[in-house]
PDB file of N, CA and C in Angstrom:
ATOM      1  N   MET A   1       0.839  -1.177   0.000  1.00  0.00           N
ATOM      2  CA  MET A   1       0.000   0.000   0.000  1.00  0.00           C
ATOM      3  C   MET A   1       0.883   1.239   0.000  1.00  0.00           C
ATOM      4  N   HIS A   2       0.521   2.202  -0.834  1.00  0.00           N
ATOM      5  CA  HIS A   2       1.246   3.469  -0.918  1.00  0.00           C
ATOM      6  C   HIS A   2       0.317   4.617  -0.535  1.00  0.00           C
ATOM      7  N   MET A   3       0.849   5.571   0.179  1.00  0.00           N
ATOM      8  CA  MET A   3       0.120   6.805   0.465  1.00  0.00           C
ATOM      9  C   MET A   3       0.653   7.851  -0.500  1.00  0.00           C
ATOM     10  N   VAL A   4      -0.262   8.520  -1.207  1.00  0.00           N
ATOM     11  CA  VAL A   4       0.129   9.493  -2.209  1.00  0.00           C
ATOM     12  C   VAL A   4      -0.601  10.798  -1.942  1.00  0.00           C
ATOM     13  N   ASP A   5       0.120  11.888  -1.962  1.00  0.00           N
ATOM     14  CA  ASP A   5      -0.498  13.207  -1.846  1.00  0.00           C
ATOM     15  C   ASP A   5      -1.197  13.500  -3.175  1.00  0.00           C
ATOM     16  N   ALA A   6      -2.461  13.836  -3.134  1.00  0.00           N
ATOM     17  CA  ALA A   6      -3.240  14.075  -4.353  1.00  0.00           C
ATOM     18  C   ALA A   6      -2.589  15.130  -5.239  1.00  0.00           C
ATOM     19  N   ALA A   7      -1.941  16.113  -4.657  1.00  0.00           N
ATOM     20  CA  ALA A   7      -1.298  17.170  -5.438  1.00  0.00           C
ATOM     21  C   ALA A   7      -0.123  16.659  -6.261  1.00  0.00           C
ATOM     22  N   ASP A   8       0.448  15.512  -5.882  1.00  0.00           N
ATOM     23  CA  ASP A   8       1.592  14.950  -6.600  1.00  0.00           C
ATOM     24  C   ASP A   8       1.198  14.106  -7.803  1.00  0.00           C
ATOM     25  N   ILE A   9      -0.076  13.763  -7.924  1.00  0.00           N
ATOM     26  CA  ILE A   9      -0.526  12.924  -9.038  1.00  0.00           C
ATOM     27  C   ILE A   9      -0.554  13.753 -10.311  1.00  0.00           C
ATOM     28  N   GLU A  10       0.160  13.280 -11.328  1.00  0.00           N
ATOM     29  CA  GLU A  10       0.250  13.990 -12.600  1.00  0.00           C
ATOM     30  C   GLU A  10      -0.787  13.495 -13.602  1.00  0.00           C
ATOM     31  N   LEU A  11      -1.005  12.184 -13.625  1.00  0.00           N
ATOM     32  CA  LEU A  11      -1.815  11.554 -14.658  1.00  0.00           C
ATOM     33  C   LEU A  11      -2.620  10.424 -14.047  1.00  0.00           C
ATOM     34  N   ILE A  12      -3.875  10.319 -14.450  1.00  0.00           N
ATOM     35  CA  ILE A  12      -4.742   9.228 -14.010  1.00  0.00           C
ATOM     36  C   ILE A  12      -5.333   8.597 -15.255  1.00  0.00           C
ATOM     37  N   GLU A  13      -5.107   7.300 -15.417  1.00  0.00           N
ATOM     38  CA  GLU A  13      -5.631   6.582 -16.573  1.00  0.00           C
ATOM     39  C   GLU A  13      -6.528   5.451 -16.095  1.00  0.00           C
ATOM     40  N   GLY A  14      -7.716   5.386 -16.651  1.00  0.00           N
ATOM     41  CA  GLY A  14      -8.661   4.351 -16.274  1.00  0.00           C
ATOM     42  C   GLY A  14      -8.528   3.118 -17.129  1.00  0.00           C
ATOM     43  N   ASP A  15      -8.699   1.960 -16.505  1.00  0.00           N
ATOM     44  CA  ASP A  15      -8.676   0.678 -17.210  1.00  0.00           C
ATOM     45  C   ASP A  15      -9.616  -0.273 -16.482  1.00  0.00           C
ATOM     46  N   ARG A  16     -10.879  -0.256 -16.885  1.00  0.00           N
ATOM     47  CA  ARG A  16     -11.945  -1.049 -16.271  1.00  0.00           C
ATOM     48  C   ARG A  16     -12.120  -0.695 -14.804  1.00  0.00           C
ATOM     49  N   ASP A  17     -11.820  -1.609 -13.898  1.00  0.00           N
ATOM     50  CA  ASP A  17     -12.019  -1.376 -12.471  1.00  0.00           C
ATOM     51  C   ASP A  17     -10.762  -0.896 -11.755  1.00  0.00           C
ATOM     52  N   CYS A  18      -9.774  -0.466 -12.518  1.00  0.00           N
ATOM     53  CA  CYS A  18      -8.523   0.015 -11.943  1.00  0.00           C
ATOM     54  C   CYS A  18      -8.147   1.360 -12.562  1.00  0.00           C
ATOM     55  N   VAL A  19      -7.320   2.090 -11.836  1.00  0.00           N
ATOM     56  CA  VAL A  19      -6.721   3.299 -12.386  1.00  0.00           C
ATOM     57  C   VAL A  19      -5.218   3.210 -12.198  1.00  0.00           C
ATOM     58  N   ARG A  20      -4.502   3.799 -13.147  1.00  0.00           N
ATOM     59  CA  ARG A  20      -3.054   3.943 -13.046  1.00  0.00           C
ATOM     60  C   ARG A  20      -2.766   5.392 -12.691  1.00  0.00           C
ATOM     61  N   LEU A  21      -2.055   5.587 -11.602  1.00  0.00           N
ATOM     62  CA  LEU A  21      -1.689   6.919 -11.140  1.00  0.00           C
ATOM     63  C   LEU A  21      -0.218   7.138 -11.438  1.00  0.00           C
ATOM     64  N   THR A  22       0.089   8.185 -12.176  1.00  0.00           N
ATOM     65  CA  THR A  22       1.476   8.511 -12.459  1.00  0.00           C
ATOM     66  C   THR A  22       1.896   9.644 -11.534  1.00  0.00           C
ATOM     67  N   VAL A  23       2.936   9.369 -10.758  1.00  0.00           N
ATOM     68  CA  VAL A  23       3.515  10.331  -9.831  1.00  0.00           C
ATOM     69  C   VAL A  23       4.987  10.420 -10.188  1.00  0.00           C
ATOM     70  N   GLY A  24       5.368  11.469 -10.905  1.00  0.00           N
ATOM     71  CA  GLY A  24       6.734  11.558 -11.416  1.00  0.00           C
ATOM     72  C   GLY A  24       6.985  10.430 -12.391  1.00  0.00           C
ATOM     73  N   ARG A  25       7.990   9.623 -12.122  1.00  0.00           N
ATOM     74  CA  ARG A  25       8.296   8.479 -12.990  1.00  0.00           C
ATOM     75  C   ARG A  25       7.721   7.171 -12.443  1.00  0.00           C
ATOM     76  N   GLN A  26       7.013   7.268 -11.346  1.00  0.00           N
ATOM     77  CA  GLN A  26       6.426   6.089 -10.698  1.00  0.00           C
ATOM     78  C   GLN A  26       4.982   5.907 -11.149  1.00  0.00           C
ATOM     79  N   VAL A  27       4.594   4.663 -11.425  1.00  0.00           N
ATOM     80  CA  VAL A  27       3.211   4.342 -11.790  1.00  0.00           C
ATOM     81  C   VAL A  27       2.652   3.400 -10.731  1.00  0.00           C
ATOM     82  N   LEU A  28       1.525   3.815 -10.157  1.00  0.00           N
ATOM     83  CA  LEU A  28       0.865   3.030  -9.124  1.00  0.00           C
ATOM     84  C   LEU A  28      -0.506   2.603  -9.635  1.00  0.00           C
ATOM     85  N   HIS A  29      -0.997   1.488  -9.140  1.00  0.00           N
ATOM     86  CA  HIS A  29      -2.314   0.990  -9.531  1.00  0.00           C
ATOM     87  C   HIS A  29      -3.235   1.009  -8.319  1.00  0.00           C
ATOM     88  N   ALA A  30      -4.496   1.345  -8.579  1.00  0.00           N
ATOM     89  CA  ALA A  30      -5.490   1.367  -7.497  1.00  0.00           C
ATOM     90  C   ALA A  30      -6.794   0.796  -8.016  1.00  0.00           C
ATOM     91  N   ARG A  31      -7.509   0.123  -7.133  1.00  0.00           N
ATOM     92  CA  ARG A  31      -8.832  -0.400  -7.495  1.00  0.00           C
ATOM     93  C   ARG A  31      -9.840   0.727  -7.340  1.00  0.00           C
ATOM     94  N   SER A  32     -10.209   1.304  -8.435  1.00  0.00           N
ATOM     95  CA  SER A  32     -11.175   2.392  -8.450  1.00  0.00           C
ATOM     96  C   SER A  32     -11.557   2.640  -9.900  1.00  0.00           C
ATOM     97  N   ARG A  33     -12.705   3.179 -10.095  1.00  0.00           N
ATOM     98  CA  ARG A  33     -13.102   3.585 -11.442  1.00  0.00           C
ATOM     99  C   ARG A  33     -12.649   5.025 -11.655  1.00  0.00           C
ATOM    100  N   LEU A  34     -12.456   5.401 -12.902  1.00  0.00           N
ATOM    101  CA  LEU A  34     -11.962   6.734 -13.214  1.00  0.00           C
ATOM    102  C   LEU A  34     -12.899   7.815 -12.683  1.00  0.00           C
ATOM    103  N   GLN A  35     -14.196   7.632 -12.813  1.00  0.00           N
ATOM    104  CA  GLN A  35     -15.152   8.624 -12.309  1.00  0.00           C
ATOM    105  C   GLN A  35     -15.043   8.796 -10.803  1.00  0.00           C
ATOM    106  N   GLN A  36     -14.864   7.703 -10.072  1.00  0.00           N
ATOM    107  CA  GLN A  36     -14.707   7.791  -8.616  1.00  0.00           C
ATOM    108  C   GLN A  36     -13.443   8.563  -8.268  1.00  0.00           C
ATOM    109  N   THR A  37     -12.372   8.266  -8.976  1.00  0.00           N
ATOM    110  CA  THR A  37     -11.102   8.942  -8.720  1.00  0.00           C
ATOM    111  C   THR A  37     -11.211  10.424  -9.047  1.00  0.00           C
ATOM    112  N   GLU A  38     -11.888  10.741 -10.150  1.00  0.00           N
ATOM    113  CA  GLU A  38     -12.072  12.141 -10.529  1.00  0.00           C
ATOM    114  C   GLU A  38     -12.834  12.898  -9.436  1.00  0.00           C
ATOM    115  N   ARG A  39     -13.885  12.297  -8.893  1.00  0.00           N
ATOM    116  CA  ARG A  39     -14.646  12.933  -7.819  1.00  0.00           C
ATOM    117  C   ARG A  39     -13.787  13.132  -6.572  1.00  0.00           C
ATOM    118  N   SER A  40     -12.948  12.164  -6.268  1.00  0.00           N
ATOM    119  CA  SER A  40     -12.127  12.275  -5.058  1.00  0.00           C
ATOM    120  C   SER A  40     -11.009  13.299  -5.209  1.00  0.00           C
ATOM    121  N   LEU A  41     -10.723  13.707  -6.434  1.00  0.00           N
ATOM    122  CA  LEU A  41      -9.671  14.702  -6.681  1.00  0.00           C
ATOM    123  C   LEU A  41     -10.254  16.075  -7.006  1.00  0.00           C
ATOM    124  N   GLN A  42     -11.453  16.350  -6.548  1.00  0.00           N
ATOM    125  CA  GLN A  42     -12.102  17.627  -6.846  1.00  0.00           C
ATOM    126  C   GLN A  42     -11.316  18.831  -6.367  1.00  0.00           C
ATOM    127  N   THR A  43     -10.468  18.656  -5.372  1.00  0.00           N
ATOM    128  CA  THR A  43      -9.667  19.784  -4.878  1.00  0.00           C
ATOM    129  C   THR A  43      -8.475  20.079  -5.768  1.00  0.00           C
ATOM    130  N   GLN A  44      -8.212  19.211  -6.720  1.00  0.00           N
ATOM    131  CA  GLN A  44      -7.074  19.377  -7.622  1.00  0.00           C
ATOM    132  C   GLN A  44      -7.558  19.866  -8.992  1.00  0.00           C
ATOM    133  N   PRO A  45      -6.725  20.621  -9.696  1.00  0.00           N
ATOM    134  CA  PRO A  45      -7.119  21.094 -11.028  1.00  0.00           C
ATOM    135  C   PRO A  45      -6.917  20.009 -12.077  1.00  0.00           C
ATOM    136  N   VAL A  46      -7.783  19.006 -12.075  1.00  0.00           N
ATOM    137  CA  VAL A  46      -7.659  17.927 -13.044  1.00  0.00           C
ATOM    138  C   VAL A  46      -8.511  18.232 -14.266  1.00  0.00           C
ATOM    139  N   LEU A  47      -8.032  17.810 -15.404  1.00  0.00           N
ATOM    140  CA  LEU A  47      -8.682  18.049 -16.681  1.00  0.00           C
ATOM    141  C   LEU A  47      -8.808  16.721 -17.403  1.00  0.00           C
ATOM    142  N   ARG A  48     -10.022  16.391 -17.820  1.00  0.00           N
ATOM    143  CA  ARG A  48     -10.230  15.166 -18.591  1.00  0.00           C
ATOM    144  C   ARG A  48      -9.827  15.462 -20.029  1.00  0.00           C
ATOM    145  N   ILE A  49      -8.855  14.695 -20.538  1.00  0.00           N
ATOM    146  CA  ILE A  49      -8.389  14.934 -21.895  1.00  0.00           C
ATOM    147  C   ILE A  49      -8.846  13.844 -22.864  1.00  0.00           C
ATOM    148  N   SER A  50      -9.404  12.778 -22.316  1.00  0.00           N
ATOM    149  CA  SER A  50      -9.991  11.717 -23.139  1.00  0.00           C
ATOM    150  C   SER A  50     -10.942  10.920 -22.256  1.00  0.00           C
ATOM    151  N   ARG A  51     -11.607   9.957 -22.847  1.00  0.00           N
ATOM    152  CA  ARG A  51     -12.570   9.153 -22.091  1.00  0.00           C
ATOM    153  C   ARG A  51     -11.913   8.446 -20.904  1.00  0.00           C
ATOM    154  N   SER A  52     -10.656   8.105 -21.038  1.00  0.00           N
ATOM    155  CA  SER A  52     -10.002   7.309 -19.996  1.00  0.00           C
ATOM    156  C   SER A  52      -8.774   7.973 -19.381  1.00  0.00           C
ATOM    157  N   CYS A  53      -8.665   9.303 -19.509  1.00  0.00           N
ATOM    158  CA  CYS A  53      -7.442   9.954 -19.036  1.00  0.00           C
ATOM    159  C   CYS A  53      -7.717  11.334 -18.440  1.00  0.00           C
ATOM    160  N   LEU A  54      -7.134  11.557 -17.261  1.00  0.00           N
ATOM    161  CA  LEU A  54      -7.184  12.857 -16.578  1.00  0.00           C
ATOM    162  C   LEU A  54      -5.762  13.316 -16.336  1.00  0.00           C
ATOM    163  N   ILE A  55      -5.537  14.623 -16.415  1.00  0.00           N
ATOM    164  CA  ILE A  55      -4.228  15.165 -16.052  1.00  0.00           C
ATOM    165  C   ILE A  55      -4.411  16.250 -14.998  1.00  0.00           C
ATOM    166  N   ASN A  56      -3.405  16.415 -14.160  1.00  0.00           N
ATOM    167  CA  ASN A  56      -3.373  17.502 -13.193  1.00  0.00           C
ATOM    168  C   ASN A  56      -2.652  18.649 -13.891  1.00  0.00           C
ATOM    169  N   VAL A  57      -3.368  19.749 -14.154  1.00  0.00           N
ATOM    170  CA  VAL A  57      -2.785  20.832 -14.957  1.00  0.00           C
ATOM    171  C   VAL A  57      -1.600  21.500 -14.275  1.00  0.00           C
ATOM    172  N   ARG A  58      -1.456  21.335 -12.979  1.00  0.00           N
ATOM    173  CA  ARG A  58      -0.284  21.909 -12.286  1.00  0.00           C
ATOM    174  C   ARG A  58       1.022  21.230 -12.715  1.00  0.00           C
ATOM    175  N   HIS A  59       0.909  20.039 -13.288  1.00  0.00           N
ATOM    176  CA  HIS A  59       2.103  19.302 -13.679  1.00  0.00           C
ATOM    177  C   HIS A  59       2.386  19.375 -15.180  1.00  0.00           C
ATOM    178  N   VAL A  60       1.621  20.155 -15.914  1.00  0.00           N
ATOM    179  CA  VAL A  60       1.852  20.303 -17.352  1.00  0.00           C
ATOM    180  C   VAL A  60       3.045  21.233 -17.554  1.00  0.00           C
ATOM    181  N   ARG A  61       4.024  20.764 -18.295  1.00  0.00           N
ATOM    182  CA  ARG A  61       5.228  21.555 -18.563  1.00  0.00           C
ATOM    183  C   ARG A  61       5.270  22.086 -19.991  1.00  0.00           C
ATOM    184  N   GLU A  62       4.541  21.420 -20.879  1.00  0.00           N
ATOM    185  CA  GLU A  62       4.553  21.842 -22.279  1.00  0.00           C
ATOM    186  C   GLU A  62       3.249  21.400 -22.940  1.00  0.00           C
ATOM    187  N   VAL A  63       2.725  22.264 -23.795  1.00  0.00           N
ATOM    188  CA  VAL A  63       1.521  21.939 -24.560  1.00  0.00           C
ATOM    189  C   VAL A  63       1.797  22.260 -26.020  1.00  0.00           C
ATOM    190  N   SER A  64       1.498  21.324 -26.886  1.00  0.00           N
ATOM    191  CA  SER A  64       1.601  21.568 -28.325  1.00  0.00           C
ATOM    192  C   SER A  64       0.367  20.985 -28.981  1.00  0.00           C
ATOM    193  N   ARG A  65       0.277  21.118 -30.288  1.00  0.00           N
ATOM    194  CA  ARG A  65      -0.904  20.660 -31.015  1.00  0.00           C
ATOM    195  C   ARG A  65      -0.485  19.714 -32.126  1.00  0.00           C
ATOM    196  N   THR A  66      -1.382  18.785 -32.430  1.00  0.00           N
ATOM    197  CA  THR A  66      -1.186  17.897 -33.571  1.00  0.00           C
ATOM    198  C   THR A  66      -1.786  18.581 -34.801  1.00  0.00           C
ATOM    199  N   PRO A  67      -1.499  18.081 -35.996  1.00  0.00           N
ATOM    200  CA  PRO A  67      -2.134  18.647 -37.198  1.00  0.00           C
ATOM    201  C   PRO A  67      -3.665  18.574 -37.138  1.00  0.00           C
ATOM    202  N   ARG A  68      -4.216  17.621 -36.390  1.00  0.00           N
ATOM    203  CA  ARG A  68      -5.671  17.493 -36.243  1.00  0.00           C
ATOM    204  C   ARG A  68      -6.219  18.397 -35.144  1.00  0.00           C
ATOM    205  N   GLU A  69      -5.350  19.213 -34.531  1.00  0.00           N
ATOM    206  CA  GLU A  69      -5.733  20.149 -33.470  1.00  0.00           C
ATOM    207  C   GLU A  69      -5.950  19.501 -32.107  1.00  0.00           C
ATOM    208  N   ASP A  70      -5.521  18.241 -31.934  1.00  0.00           N
ATOM    209  CA  ASP A  70      -5.535  17.642 -30.609  1.00  0.00           C
ATOM    210  C   ASP A  70      -4.383  18.251 -29.808  1.00  0.00           C
ATOM    211  N   PHE A  71      -4.472  18.182 -28.497  1.00  0.00           N
ATOM    212  CA  PHE A  71      -3.434  18.725 -27.627  1.00  0.00           C
ATOM    213  C   PHE A  71      -2.467  17.619 -27.223  1.00  0.00           C
ATOM    214  N   ILE A  72      -1.194  17.959 -27.159  1.00  0.00           N
ATOM    215  CA  ILE A  72      -0.156  17.050 -26.666  1.00  0.00           C
ATOM    216  C   ILE A  72       0.409  17.691 -25.401  1.00  0.00           C
ATOM    217  N   PHE A  73       0.366  16.947 -24.306  1.00  0.00           N
ATOM    218  CA  PHE A  73       0.844  17.449 -23.020  1.00  0.00           C
ATOM    219  C   PHE A  73       2.096  16.705 -22.599  1.00  0.00           C
ATOM    220  N   VAL A  74       3.102  17.440 -22.169  1.00  0.00           N
ATOM    221  CA  VAL A  74       4.284  16.849 -21.550  1.00  0.00           C
ATOM    222  C   VAL A  74       4.198  17.204 -20.077  1.00  0.00           C
ATOM    223  N   LEU A  75       4.193  16.182 -19.240  1.00  0.00           N
ATOM    224  CA  LEU A  75       4.046  16.374 -17.806  1.00  0.00           C
ATOM    225  C   LEU A  75       5.399  16.471 -17.125  1.00  0.00           C
ATOM    226  N   ALA A  76       5.405  16.917 -15.895  1.00  0.00           N
ATOM    227  CA  ALA A  76       6.641  17.163 -15.153  1.00  0.00           C
ATOM    228  C   ALA A  76       7.548  15.943 -15.086  1.00  0.00           C
ATOM    229  N   GLY A  77       6.984  14.753 -14.948  1.00  0.00           N
ATOM    230  CA  GLY A  77       7.781  13.529 -14.863  1.00  0.00           C
ATOM    231  C   GLY A  77       8.261  13.009 -16.203  1.00  0.00           C
ATOM    232  N   GLY A  78       7.905  13.697 -17.300  1.00  0.00           N
ATOM    233  CA  GLY A  78       8.351  13.296 -18.629  1.00  0.00           C
ATOM    234  C   GLY A  78       7.320  12.542 -19.441  1.00  0.00           C
ATOM    235  N   THR A  79       6.194  12.182 -18.852  1.00  0.00           N
ATOM    236  CA  THR A  79       5.147  11.467 -19.577  1.00  0.00           C
ATOM    237  C   THR A  79       4.507  12.391 -20.611  1.00  0.00           C
ATOM    238  N   THR A  80       4.246  11.859 -21.796  1.00  0.00           N
ATOM    239  CA  THR A  80       3.565  12.600 -22.854  1.00  0.00           C
ATOM    240  C   THR A  80       2.232  11.929 -23.129  1.00  0.00           C
ATOM    241  N   VAL A  81       1.152  12.717 -23.153  1.00  0.00           N
ATOM    242  CA  VAL A  81      -0.185  12.198 -23.433  1.00  0.00           C
ATOM    243  C   VAL A  81      -0.871  13.117 -24.441  1.00  0.00           C
ATOM    244  N   THR A  82      -1.761  12.533 -25.231  1.00  0.00           N
ATOM    245  CA  THR A  82      -2.479  13.279 -26.260  1.00  0.00           C
ATOM    246  C   THR A  82      -3.965  13.246 -25.977  1.00  0.00           C
ATOM    247  N   SER A  83      -4.603  14.373 -26.185  1.00  0.00           N
ATOM    248  CA  SER A  83      -6.042  14.480 -25.965  1.00  0.00           C
ATOM    249  C   SER A  83      -6.803  13.798 -27.088  1.00  0.00           C
ATOM    250  N   SER A  84      -8.090  13.610 -26.849  1.00  0.00           N
ATOM    251  CA  SER A  84      -8.941  13.048 -27.891  1.00  0.00           C
ATOM    252  C   SER A  84      -9.827  14.148 -28.468  1.00  0.00           C
ATOM    253  N   GLU A  85     -10.354  13.890 -29.638  1.00  0.00           N
ATOM    254  CA  GLU A  85     -11.192  14.868 -30.334  1.00  0.00           C
ATOM    255  C   GLU A  85     -12.408  15.270 -29.512  1.00  0.00           C
ATOM    256  N   GLY A  86     -13.004  14.329 -28.828  1.00  0.00           N
ATOM    257  CA  GLY A  86     -14.218  14.598 -28.072  1.00  0.00           C
ATOM    258  C   GLY A  86     -14.043  15.553 -26.907  1.00  0.00           C
ATOM    259  N   HIS A  87     -12.822  15.776 -26.464  1.00  0.00           N
ATOM    260  CA  HIS A  87     -12.562  16.647 -25.321  1.00  0.00           C
ATOM    261  C   HIS A  87     -11.845  17.935 -25.709  1.00  0.00           C
ATOM    262  N   ARG A  88     -11.706  18.174 -26.981  1.00  0.00           N
ATOM    263  CA  ARG A  88     -10.987  19.346 -27.493  1.00  0.00           C
ATOM    264  C   ARG A  88     -11.601  20.662 -27.002  1.00  0.00           C
ATOM    265  N   GLU A  89     -12.908  20.794 -27.115  1.00  0.00           N
ATOM    266  CA  GLU A  89     -13.567  22.059 -26.762  1.00  0.00           C
ATOM    267  C   GLU A  89     -13.426  22.369 -25.271  1.00  0.00           C
ATOM    268  N   ALA A  90     -13.564  21.371 -24.420  1.00  0.00           N
ATOM    269  CA  ALA A  90     -13.403  21.584 -22.979  1.00  0.00           C
ATOM    270  C   ALA A  90     -11.999  22.072 -22.654  1.00  0.00           C
ATOM    271  N   MET A  91     -11.020  21.563 -23.372  1.00  0.00           N
ATOM    272  CA  MET A  91      -9.643  22.001 -23.128  1.00  0.00           C
ATOM    273  C   MET A  91      -9.429  23.428 -23.604  1.00  0.00           C
ATOM    274  N   ARG A  92      -9.996  23.779 -24.735  1.00  0.00           N
ATOM    275  CA  ARG A  92      -9.904  25.166 -25.213  1.00  0.00           C
ATOM    276  C   ARG A  92     -10.489  26.122 -24.176  1.00  0.00           C
ATOM    277  N   GLU A  93     -11.645  25.768 -23.629  1.00  0.00           N
ATOM    278  CA  GLU A  93     -12.281  26.605 -22.611  1.00  0.00           C
ATOM    279  C   GLU A  93     -11.408  26.726 -21.371  1.00  0.00           C
ATOM    280  N   CYS A  94     -10.809  25.627 -20.965  1.00  0.00           N
ATOM    281  CA  CYS A  94      -9.928  25.630 -19.798  1.00  0.00           C
ATOM    282  C   CYS A  94      -8.742  26.562 -20.028  1.00  0.00           C
ATOM    283  N   PHE A  95      -8.120  26.469 -21.180  1.00  0.00           N
ATOM    284  CA  PHE A  95      -6.965  27.324 -21.480  1.00  0.00           C
ATOM    285  C   PHE A  95      -7.373  28.779 -21.613  1.00  0.00           C
ATOM    286  N   ALA A  96      -8.544  29.046 -22.136  1.00  0.00           N
ATOM    287  CA  ALA A  96      -9.022  30.416 -22.234  1.00  0.00           C
ATOM    288  C   ALA A  96      -9.188  31.019 -20.833  1.00  0.00           C
ATOM    289  N   ARG A  97      -9.706  30.244 -19.885  1.00  0.00           N
ATOM    290  CA  ARG A  97      -9.841  30.723 -18.506  1.00  0.00           C
ATOM    291  C   ARG A  97      -8.479  30.983 -17.893  1.00  0.00           C
ATOM    292  N   LEU A  98      -7.518  30.109 -18.156  1.00  0.00           N
ATOM    293  CA  LEU A  98      -6.177  30.288 -17.611  1.00  0.00           C
ATOM    294  C   LEU A  98      -5.524  31.546 -18.157  1.00  0.00           C
ATOM    295  N   GLU A  99      -5.697  31.798 -19.450  1.00  0.00           N
ATOM    296  CA  GLU A  99      -5.103  33.000 -20.056  1.00  0.00           C
ATOM    297  C   GLU A  99      -5.729  34.251 -19.499  1.00  0.00           C
ATOM    298  N   VAL A 100      -7.043  34.271 -19.305  1.00  0.00           N
ATOM    299  CA  VAL A 100      -7.722  35.424 -18.732  1.00  0.00           C
ATOM    300  C   VAL A 100      -7.232  35.639 -17.311  1.00  0.00           C
ATOM    301  N   GLY A 101      -7.047  34.564 -16.542  1.00  0.00           N
ATOM    302  CA  GLY A 101      -6.602  34.672 -15.160  1.00  0.00           C
ATOM    303  C   GLY A 101      -5.185  35.189 -15.030  1.00  0.00           C
ATOM    304  N   GLU A 102      -4.356  35.003 -16.041  1.00  0.00           N
ATOM    305  CA  GLU A 102      -2.963  35.420 -15.963  1.00  0.00           C
ATOM    306  C   GLU A 102      -2.811  36.920 -16.179  1.00  0.00           C
ATOM    307  N   GLY A 103      -3.730  37.541 -16.908  1.00  0.00           N
ATOM    308  CA  GLY A 103      -3.576  38.939 -17.306  1.00  0.00           C
ATOM    309  C   GLY A 103      -4.031  39.910 -16.352  1.00  0.00           C
TER     310      GLY A 103
END
């Protein structure tokens, strides 16, 4: 059993009745559904980038785009993940809020 600070979780990937939690270069597994994990991380700025993937935006180090306009995220621990088409608009809205908040 591992105790993990929710703020340290960079990436959460769902796989049936389990989730994979990426903390830096370490990957941990937990028995939980992605929706349950998302609810339990409400205090963290998590963003759903696909049906089975959440990222903690505090750990995003680089964002780029594919030719299809999907987002590519490089996380603090070096993991790279790509968004899906179905979540593109939600991510645009999230980034628009972040840009407004910075100014």
